Amino acid sequence: MTNPDNTIRVVIPLTIRKRNGRPRIVAPSESESAADRVQDARLLRALARAWSWRRQLDSGTATTIHDIAAVENVTDRFIGRMIRLAYLSPDVLEELVIARRPSSITINDLTGIADLPWAEQKTRVFA
């Protein structure tokens, strides 16, 4: 588009999306394709660790959260908060891990949502 003063204006339709609470600029070619299917590695790692800790407690490899905290060299409070991720609803886990659907909430917010009933979790995570 040319203005009367011989300047050219280029308009690029960019989209701003939040991923884990942080804004991300998405180009038009990425808008609904592979960029949306990329999941945050920190979230996947946190889910994997939570499930590992849950399996340790279920199998008897670790008897308490304190045992896991000592091995992982973190506080028992951290383990107690993060292990909640292993109790997310199957629908939420399927969307996050298998479908790689991104969520705009943080990992800490996700641990709080894990305390909600399963019927409410999916709408809170992906709203």
N, C-alpha and C. Protein backbone atom coordinates (compact mmCIF):
# COMPACT_ATOMS: atom_id res chain seq x y z
N MET A 1 0.85 -1.16 0.00
CA MET A 1 0.00 0.00 0.00
C MET A 1 0.90 1.23 0.00
N THR A 2 0.70 2.11 -0.90
CA THR A 2 1.54 3.29 -1.03
C THR A 2 0.78 4.51 -0.55
N ASN A 3 1.42 5.29 0.31
CA ASN A 3 0.84 6.54 0.80
C ASN A 3 1.23 7.68 -0.14
N PRO A 4 0.55 8.81 -0.06
CA PRO A 4 0.89 9.94 -0.93
C PRO A 4 2.32 10.44 -0.73
N ASP A 5 2.93 10.22 0.41
CA ASP A 5 4.29 10.73 0.63
C ASP A 5 5.35 9.68 0.27
N ASN A 6 4.99 8.71 -0.56
CA ASN A 6 5.89 7.70 -1.09
C ASN A 6 6.51 6.77 -0.02
N THR A 7 5.80 6.51 1.05
CA THR A 7 6.26 5.53 2.04
C THR A 7 5.45 4.25 1.85
N ILE A 8 6.09 3.17 2.14
CA ILE A 8 5.45 1.86 2.00
C ILE A 8 5.23 1.29 3.40
N ARG A 9 4.02 0.83 3.64
CA ARG A 9 3.70 0.23 4.93
C ARG A 9 3.47 -1.26 4.71
N VAL A 10 4.19 -2.07 5.48
CA VAL A 10 4.05 -3.52 5.41
C VAL A 10 3.38 -3.98 6.69
N VAL A 11 2.30 -4.73 6.56
CA VAL A 11 1.57 -5.23 7.71
C VAL A 11 1.74 -6.75 7.76
N ILE A 12 2.23 -7.22 8.89
CA ILE A 12 2.41 -8.66 9.10
C ILE A 12 1.49 -9.05 10.25
N PRO A 13 0.53 -9.90 9.99
CA PRO A 13 -0.42 -10.27 11.05
C PRO A 13 0.21 -11.27 12.05
N LEU A 14 0.77 -10.76 13.11
CA LEU A 14 1.37 -11.60 14.15
C LEU A 14 0.35 -11.83 15.25
N THR A 15 0.48 -12.94 15.91
CA THR A 15 -0.42 -13.28 17.01
C THR A 15 0.42 -13.42 18.27
N ILE A 16 -0.09 -12.91 19.38
CA ILE A 16 0.58 -13.08 20.66
C ILE A 16 -0.20 -14.11 21.46
N ARG A 17 0.49 -15.17 21.85
CA ARG A 17 -0.14 -16.23 22.64
C ARG A 17 0.66 -16.42 23.91
N LYS A 18 -0.04 -16.77 24.97
CA LYS A 18 0.65 -17.04 26.22
C LYS A 18 0.95 -18.52 26.32
N ARG A 19 2.16 -18.83 26.73
CA ARG A 19 2.57 -20.20 26.97
C ARG A 19 3.28 -20.21 28.32
N ASN A 20 2.69 -20.93 29.26
CA ASN A 20 3.20 -21.00 30.63
C ASN A 20 3.33 -19.62 31.25
N GLY A 21 2.34 -18.79 30.97
CA GLY A 21 2.29 -17.46 31.55
C GLY A 21 3.16 -16.43 30.86
N ARG A 22 3.88 -16.82 29.83
CA ARG A 22 4.76 -15.89 29.13
C ARG A 22 4.23 -15.63 27.73
N PRO A 23 4.26 -14.37 27.30
CA PRO A 23 3.79 -14.09 25.93
C PRO A 23 4.79 -14.59 24.90
N ARG A 24 4.24 -15.06 23.77
CA ARG A 24 5.07 -15.55 22.67
C ARG A 24 4.47 -15.03 21.38
N ILE A 25 5.29 -14.47 20.52
CA ILE A 25 4.83 -13.96 19.23
C ILE A 25 4.86 -15.11 18.24
N VAL A 26 3.72 -15.33 17.58
CA VAL A 26 3.59 -16.43 16.64
C VAL A 26 3.37 -15.84 15.25
N ALA A 27 4.18 -16.27 14.31
CA ALA A 27 4.05 -15.82 12.92
C ALA A 27 2.84 -16.48 12.28
N PRO A 28 2.31 -15.91 11.20
CA PRO A 28 1.12 -16.48 10.57
C PRO A 28 1.31 -17.92 10.09
N SER A 29 2.47 -18.27 9.62
CA SER A 29 2.69 -19.63 9.14
C SER A 29 2.69 -20.64 10.27
N GLU A 30 2.97 -20.20 11.50
CA GLU A 30 3.02 -21.10 12.65
C GLU A 30 1.72 -21.16 13.41
N SER A 31 0.78 -20.31 13.10
CA SER A 31 -0.36 -20.06 13.97
C SER A 31 -1.09 -21.31 14.45
N GLU A 32 -1.44 -22.22 13.60
CA GLU A 32 -2.20 -23.38 14.04
C GLU A 32 -1.52 -24.70 13.71
N SER A 33 -0.24 -24.65 13.44
CA SER A 33 0.43 -25.88 13.01
C SER A 33 1.33 -26.43 14.09
N ALA A 34 2.52 -26.77 13.75
CA ALA A 34 3.45 -27.45 14.65
C ALA A 34 3.83 -26.61 15.85
N ALA A 35 3.79 -25.31 15.75
CA ALA A 35 4.17 -24.46 16.88
C ALA A 35 3.23 -24.66 18.06
N ASP A 36 1.96 -24.95 17.77
CA ASP A 36 1.01 -25.17 18.85
C ASP A 36 1.19 -26.55 19.49
N ARG A 37 1.80 -27.47 18.78
CA ARG A 37 1.96 -28.81 19.30
C ARG A 37 3.26 -28.97 20.10
N VAL A 38 4.06 -27.93 20.19
CA VAL A 38 5.30 -27.99 20.94
C VAL A 38 4.99 -27.70 22.41
N GLN A 39 5.33 -28.61 23.25
CA GLN A 39 5.05 -28.47 24.67
C GLN A 39 6.31 -28.00 25.39
N ASP A 40 6.12 -27.28 26.45
CA ASP A 40 7.24 -26.79 27.23
C ASP A 40 7.97 -27.96 27.88
N ALA A 41 9.27 -28.02 27.68
CA ALA A 41 10.07 -29.13 28.21
C ALA A 41 10.05 -29.15 29.73
N ARG A 42 9.96 -27.98 30.36
CA ARG A 42 9.93 -27.94 31.83
C ARG A 42 8.67 -28.61 32.37
N LEU A 43 7.55 -28.38 31.69
CA LEU A 43 6.30 -28.99 32.13
C LEU A 43 6.36 -30.51 31.96
N LEU A 44 6.86 -30.97 30.83
CA LEU A 44 6.97 -32.41 30.61
C LEU A 44 7.91 -33.06 31.62
N ARG A 45 9.00 -32.38 31.93
CA ARG A 45 9.96 -32.90 32.92
C ARG A 45 9.32 -32.95 34.31
N ALA A 46 8.56 -31.93 34.65
CA ALA A 46 7.89 -31.90 35.96
C ALA A 46 6.86 -33.02 36.07
N LEU A 47 6.11 -33.26 35.00
CA LEU A 47 5.14 -34.36 35.01
C LEU A 47 5.84 -35.71 35.14
N ALA A 48 6.95 -35.88 34.42
CA ALA A 48 7.69 -37.14 34.49
C ALA A 48 8.25 -37.37 35.89
N ARG A 49 8.79 -36.33 36.50
CA ARG A 49 9.33 -36.48 37.85
C ARG A 49 8.23 -36.81 38.85
N ALA A 50 7.08 -36.15 38.72
CA ALA A 50 5.97 -36.40 39.64
C ALA A 50 5.50 -37.85 39.53
N TRP A 51 5.40 -38.35 38.30
CA TRP A 51 4.98 -39.75 38.12
C TRP A 51 6.04 -40.71 38.63
N SER A 52 7.30 -40.36 38.48
CA SER A 52 8.36 -41.21 39.01
C SER A 52 8.28 -41.29 40.53
N TRP A 53 8.07 -40.16 41.17
CA TRP A 53 7.96 -40.14 42.63
C TRP A 53 6.73 -40.90 43.09
N ARG A 54 5.63 -40.77 42.35
CA ARG A 54 4.41 -41.49 42.72
C ARG A 54 4.65 -43.00 42.62
N ARG A 55 5.31 -43.44 41.55
CA ARG A 55 5.62 -44.87 41.40
C ARG A 55 6.54 -45.36 42.52
N GLN A 56 7.49 -44.53 42.94
CA GLN A 56 8.38 -44.92 44.04
C GLN A 56 7.59 -45.12 45.32
N LEU A 57 6.64 -44.24 45.58
CA LEU A 57 5.83 -44.38 46.79
C LEU A 57 4.89 -45.57 46.69
N ASP A 58 4.30 -45.78 45.51
CA ASP A 58 3.37 -46.90 45.34
C ASP A 58 4.07 -48.26 45.41
N SER A 59 5.28 -48.33 44.88
CA SER A 59 5.99 -49.61 44.86
C SER A 59 6.71 -49.91 46.18
N GLY A 60 6.88 -48.89 47.02
CA GLY A 60 7.59 -49.10 48.27
C GLY A 60 9.08 -48.82 48.18
N THR A 61 9.55 -48.40 47.01
CA THR A 61 10.97 -48.04 46.86
C THR A 61 11.32 -46.90 47.79
N ALA A 62 10.42 -45.95 47.92
CA ALA A 62 10.56 -44.86 48.89
C ALA A 62 9.35 -44.94 49.81
N THR A 63 9.59 -44.78 51.10
CA THR A 63 8.47 -44.91 52.04
C THR A 63 7.80 -43.58 52.34
N THR A 64 8.56 -42.49 52.25
CA THR A 64 7.98 -41.17 52.53
C THR A 64 8.50 -40.15 51.53
N ILE A 65 7.87 -39.00 51.55
CA ILE A 65 8.31 -37.88 50.73
C ILE A 65 9.70 -37.41 51.18
N HIS A 66 9.99 -37.54 52.46
CA HIS A 66 11.31 -37.16 52.98
C HIS A 66 12.42 -38.00 52.33
N ASP A 67 12.15 -39.29 52.09
CA ASP A 67 13.14 -40.15 51.44
C ASP A 67 13.44 -39.66 50.02
N ILE A 68 12.39 -39.31 49.30
CA ILE A 68 12.57 -38.82 47.92
C ILE A 68 13.31 -37.49 47.93
N ALA A 69 12.96 -36.62 48.87
CA ALA A 69 13.62 -35.31 48.95
C ALA A 69 15.11 -35.45 49.24
N ALA A 70 15.46 -36.40 50.08
CA ALA A 70 16.87 -36.61 50.40
C ALA A 70 17.64 -37.10 49.17
N VAL A 71 17.04 -37.99 48.40
CA VAL A 71 17.70 -38.51 47.20
C VAL A 71 17.81 -37.43 46.13
N GLU A 72 16.75 -36.65 45.95
CA GLU A 72 16.71 -35.61 44.91
C GLU A 72 17.44 -34.33 45.32
N ASN A 73 17.80 -34.23 46.59
CA ASN A 73 18.49 -33.06 47.14
C ASN A 73 17.63 -31.79 47.01
N VAL A 74 16.35 -31.93 47.32
CA VAL A 74 15.41 -30.81 47.37
C VAL A 74 14.64 -30.92 48.68
N THR A 75 13.79 -29.93 48.94
CA THR A 75 13.02 -29.97 50.18
C THR A 75 11.81 -30.89 50.04
N ASP A 76 11.36 -31.40 51.17
CA ASP A 76 10.17 -32.25 51.16
C ASP A 76 8.92 -31.44 50.79
N ARG A 77 8.95 -30.16 51.07
CA ARG A 77 7.84 -29.29 50.69
C ARG A 77 7.72 -29.20 49.16
N PHE A 78 8.86 -29.11 48.48
CA PHE A 78 8.88 -29.08 47.01
C PHE A 78 8.31 -30.37 46.45
N ILE A 79 8.74 -31.51 46.99
CA ILE A 79 8.24 -32.80 46.52
C ILE A 79 6.74 -32.89 46.75
N GLY A 80 6.29 -32.46 47.92
CA GLY A 80 4.86 -32.51 48.23
C GLY A 80 4.02 -31.68 47.28
N ARG A 81 4.56 -30.54 46.87
CA ARG A 81 3.82 -29.67 45.95
C ARG A 81 3.85 -30.23 44.53
N MET A 82 5.01 -30.69 44.07
CA MET A 82 5.15 -31.13 42.69
C MET A 82 4.54 -32.51 42.44
N ILE A 83 4.46 -33.36 43.44
CA ILE A 83 3.90 -34.70 43.23
C ILE A 83 2.41 -34.63 42.93
N ARG A 84 1.79 -33.51 43.22
CA ARG A 84 0.37 -33.33 42.88
C ARG A 84 0.12 -33.44 41.38
N LEU A 85 1.15 -33.13 40.58
CA LEU A 85 1.00 -33.23 39.13
C LEU A 85 0.70 -34.66 38.68
N ALA A 86 1.08 -35.63 39.47
CA ALA A 86 0.81 -37.03 39.13
C ALA A 86 -0.65 -37.38 39.36
N TYR A 87 -1.41 -36.49 39.97
CA TYR A 87 -2.81 -36.74 40.26
C TYR A 87 -3.75 -35.87 39.43
N LEU A 88 -3.22 -35.34 38.32
CA LEU A 88 -4.09 -34.62 37.38
C LEU A 88 -5.02 -35.61 36.69
N SER A 89 -6.13 -35.11 36.18
CA SER A 89 -7.10 -36.00 35.53
C SER A 89 -6.48 -36.60 34.27
N PRO A 90 -6.93 -37.79 33.90
CA PRO A 90 -6.42 -38.42 32.68
C PRO A 90 -6.66 -37.57 31.43
N ASP A 91 -7.76 -36.84 31.39
CA ASP A 91 -8.04 -35.97 30.23
C ASP A 91 -6.99 -34.88 30.10
N VAL A 92 -6.63 -34.25 31.21
CA VAL A 92 -5.64 -33.18 31.20
C VAL A 92 -4.27 -33.74 30.80
N LEU A 93 -3.91 -34.86 31.39
CA LEU A 93 -2.62 -35.48 31.06
C LEU A 93 -2.55 -35.87 29.59
N GLU A 94 -3.63 -36.40 29.05
CA GLU A 94 -3.65 -36.78 27.64
C GLU A 94 -3.46 -35.56 26.75
N GLU A 95 -4.12 -34.46 27.08
CA GLU A 95 -3.99 -33.24 26.28
C GLU A 95 -2.57 -32.67 26.38
N LEU A 96 -1.98 -32.69 27.57
CA LEU A 96 -0.66 -32.10 27.77
C LEU A 96 0.45 -32.97 27.18
N VAL A 97 0.39 -34.27 27.40
CA VAL A 97 1.50 -35.13 27.05
C VAL A 97 1.36 -35.75 25.65
N ILE A 98 0.19 -36.27 25.33
CA ILE A 98 0.03 -36.96 24.05
C ILE A 98 -0.32 -35.99 22.93
N ALA A 99 -1.34 -35.16 23.15
CA ALA A 99 -1.75 -34.20 22.11
C ALA A 99 -0.83 -32.99 22.07
N ARG A 100 -0.02 -32.81 23.12
CA ARG A 100 0.91 -31.68 23.22
C ARG A 100 0.20 -30.33 23.11
N ARG A 101 -1.00 -30.27 23.66
CA ARG A 101 -1.77 -29.03 23.64
C ARG A 101 -1.17 -28.08 24.67
N PRO A 102 -0.74 -26.90 24.27
CA PRO A 102 -0.12 -25.98 25.22
C PRO A 102 -1.14 -25.36 26.17
N SER A 103 -0.67 -25.03 27.33
CA SER A 103 -1.50 -24.39 28.33
C SER A 103 -0.85 -23.07 28.71
N SER A 104 -1.65 -22.09 29.05
CA SER A 104 -1.10 -20.78 29.38
C SER A 104 -0.84 -20.61 30.87
N ILE A 105 -1.05 -21.65 31.67
CA ILE A 105 -0.83 -21.52 33.11
C ILE A 105 0.55 -22.05 33.48
N THR A 106 1.02 -21.62 34.63
CA THR A 106 2.34 -22.02 35.10
C THR A 106 2.28 -23.40 35.77
N ILE A 107 3.44 -23.97 35.99
CA ILE A 107 3.52 -25.27 36.66
C ILE A 107 2.98 -25.17 38.07
N ASN A 108 3.30 -24.08 38.77
CA ASN A 108 2.78 -23.91 40.13
C ASN A 108 1.27 -23.81 40.15
N ASP A 109 0.68 -23.12 39.17
CA ASP A 109 -0.77 -23.05 39.08
C ASP A 109 -1.36 -24.43 38.78
N LEU A 110 -0.65 -25.20 37.98
CA LEU A 110 -1.11 -26.54 37.62
C LEU A 110 -1.13 -27.46 38.85
N THR A 111 -0.18 -27.27 39.76
CA THR A 111 -0.19 -28.07 40.99
C THR A 111 -1.40 -27.75 41.84
N GLY A 112 -1.83 -26.50 41.83
CA GLY A 112 -3.04 -26.14 42.57
C GLY A 112 -4.30 -26.69 41.92
N ILE A 113 -4.31 -26.75 40.60
CA ILE A 113 -5.47 -27.27 39.88
C ILE A 113 -5.61 -28.77 40.10
N ALA A 114 -4.52 -29.45 40.39
CA ALA A 114 -4.56 -30.90 40.63
C ALA A 114 -5.42 -31.25 41.83
N ASP A 115 -5.64 -30.29 42.74
CA ASP A 115 -6.47 -30.54 43.91
C ASP A 115 -7.96 -30.47 43.60
N LEU A 116 -8.32 -29.92 42.43
CA LEU A 116 -9.72 -29.80 42.05
C LEU A 116 -10.27 -31.14 41.58
N PRO A 117 -11.61 -31.29 41.57
CA PRO A 117 -12.19 -32.51 40.99
C PRO A 117 -11.82 -32.64 39.51
N TRP A 118 -11.72 -33.87 39.04
CA TRP A 118 -11.30 -34.11 37.67
C TRP A 118 -12.20 -33.43 36.65
N ALA A 119 -13.49 -33.33 36.94
CA ALA A 119 -14.43 -32.72 35.99
C ALA A 119 -14.12 -31.25 35.75
N GLU A 120 -13.52 -30.57 36.72
CA GLU A 120 -13.23 -29.14 36.60
C GLU A 120 -11.83 -28.84 36.05
N GLN A 121 -10.94 -29.80 36.12
CA GLN A 121 -9.55 -29.54 35.80
C GLN A 121 -9.33 -29.13 34.34
N LYS A 122 -9.96 -29.83 33.41
CA LYS A 122 -9.71 -29.57 32.00
C LYS A 122 -10.13 -28.15 31.61
N THR A 123 -11.26 -27.70 32.13
CA THR A 123 -11.71 -26.34 31.80
C THR A 123 -10.80 -25.29 32.43
N ARG A 124 -10.25 -25.57 33.59
CA ARG A 124 -9.35 -24.61 34.24
C ARG A 124 -7.99 -24.54 33.55
N VAL A 125 -7.50 -25.67 33.06
CA VAL A 125 -6.18 -25.71 32.44
C VAL A 125 -6.20 -25.11 31.04
N PHE A 126 -7.23 -25.39 30.28
CA PHE A 126 -7.25 -24.98 28.88
C PHE A 126 -8.26 -23.87 28.58
N ALA A 127 -8.69 -23.14 29.57
CA ALA A 127 -9.65 -22.06 29.34
C ALA A 127 -8.98 -20.84 28.77
